[in-house]
Amino acid sequence: MSPFPKHELEDAWREKLRLARERYEEAAKAFRASWEEHSEGRPTTDSTFAIQHARKLESHALAEYMRVLKIFADLLLHGRVPEEPPK
């Protein structure tokens, strides 16, 4: 059982989900910018590395967003209290 009241737990996970989504959106934006920069000029080793790095960060941010979304959905829809603390 959680030491938090249900509405506080939901609010905390809702905020965690919001932050994870923001991080994903920022990472996706950075990837698109790297891709556009790379495709507008002559590809170099540095620009290729920048794209690979940006894509890796985007992928990790998406995975974290999906992980938090699943926890939040399980909490709301099934009442499953996560083992991980929300904060």
Protein backbone atom coordinates (compact mmCIF):
# COMPACT_ATOMS: atom_id res chain seq x y z
CA MET A 1 0.00 0.00 0.00
CA SER A 2 1.19 3.50 -0.79
CA PRO A 3 1.85 6.05 1.96
CA PHE A 4 0.18 8.64 -0.33
CA PRO A 5 -3.58 9.20 -0.65
CA LYS A 6 -4.82 8.02 -4.07
CA HIS A 7 -5.40 11.52 -5.47
CA GLU A 8 -1.89 12.63 -4.41
CA LEU A 9 -0.39 9.55 -5.98
CA GLU A 10 -2.26 10.18 -9.23
CA ASP A 11 -1.25 13.84 -9.24
CA ALA A 12 2.41 12.96 -8.65
CA TRP A 13 2.43 10.42 -11.48
CA ARG A 14 0.53 12.82 -13.76
CA GLU A 15 3.30 15.36 -13.20
CA LYS A 16 5.98 12.73 -13.77
CA LEU A 17 4.23 11.81 -17.03
CA ARG A 18 4.08 15.47 -18.09
CA LEU A 19 7.81 15.90 -17.49
CA ALA A 20 8.65 12.68 -19.36
CA ARG A 21 6.58 13.86 -22.32
CA GLU A 22 8.32 17.24 -22.32
CA ARG A 23 11.73 15.55 -22.32
CA TYR A 24 10.65 13.32 -25.20
CA GLU A 25 9.31 16.26 -27.22
CA GLU A 26 12.55 18.20 -26.65
CA ALA A 27 14.65 15.20 -27.70
CA ALA A 28 12.52 14.66 -30.81
CA LYS A 29 12.88 18.33 -31.72
CA ALA A 30 16.67 18.11 -31.29
CA PHE A 31 16.78 15.01 -33.50
CA ARG A 32 14.76 16.72 -36.24
CA ALA A 33 17.08 19.76 -36.07
CA SER A 34 20.16 17.52 -36.36
CA TRP A 35 18.62 15.68 -39.26
CA GLU A 36 17.75 18.89 -41.11
CA GLU A 37 21.19 20.33 -40.49
CA HIS A 38 22.80 17.11 -41.76
CA SER A 39 20.64 16.85 -44.86
CA GLU A 40 21.14 20.50 -45.87
CA GLY A 41 24.91 20.27 -46.07
CA ARG A 42 27.56 17.76 -46.86
CA PRO A 43 27.47 14.92 -44.35
CA THR A 44 30.53 14.74 -42.15
CA THR A 45 31.60 12.32 -39.47
CA ASP A 46 30.66 14.89 -36.84
CA SER A 47 27.21 15.51 -38.28
CA THR A 48 26.58 11.78 -38.61
CA PHE A 49 27.63 11.28 -35.00
CA ALA A 50 25.36 14.17 -33.95
CA ILE A 51 22.38 12.53 -35.65
CA GLN A 52 23.13 9.16 -34.09
CA HIS A 53 23.49 10.74 -30.66
CA ALA A 54 20.30 12.78 -31.03
CA ARG A 55 18.40 9.68 -32.19
CA LYS A 56 19.71 7.69 -29.22
CA LEU A 57 18.58 10.42 -26.80
CA GLU A 58 15.17 10.58 -28.49
CA SER A 59 14.81 6.81 -28.28
CA HIS A 60 15.68 6.77 -24.57
CA ALA A 61 13.30 9.65 -23.86
CA LEU A 62 10.49 7.87 -25.72
CA ALA A 63 11.13 4.64 -23.80
CA GLU A 64 10.98 6.53 -20.49
CA TYR A 65 7.78 8.34 -21.53
CA MET A 66 6.15 5.02 -22.48
CA ARG A 67 7.29 3.42 -19.21
CA VAL A 68 5.79 6.23 -17.13
CA LEU A 69 2.63 6.25 -19.26
CA LYS A 70 2.13 2.53 -18.61
CA ILE A 71 2.60 3.00 -14.86
CA PHE A 72 0.16 5.94 -14.85
CA ALA A 73 -2.41 4.04 -16.93
CA ASP A 74 -2.15 0.99 -14.67
CA LEU A 75 -2.68 3.24 -11.65
CA LEU A 76 -5.72 4.99 -13.11
CA LEU A 77 -7.38 2.11 -14.91
CA HIS A 78 -6.55 -0.84 -12.67
CA GLY A 79 -5.67 0.76 -9.36
CA ARG A 80 -2.19 -0.81 -9.42
CA VAL A 81 0.04 1.12 -7.06
CA PRO A 82 3.56 1.26 -8.51
CA GLU A 83 6.47 -0.01 -6.45
CA GLU A 84 8.54 2.97 -7.60
CA PRO A 85 7.93 6.17 -5.61
CA PRO A 86 6.46 8.98 -7.73
CA LYS A 87 9.00 11.57 -6.65
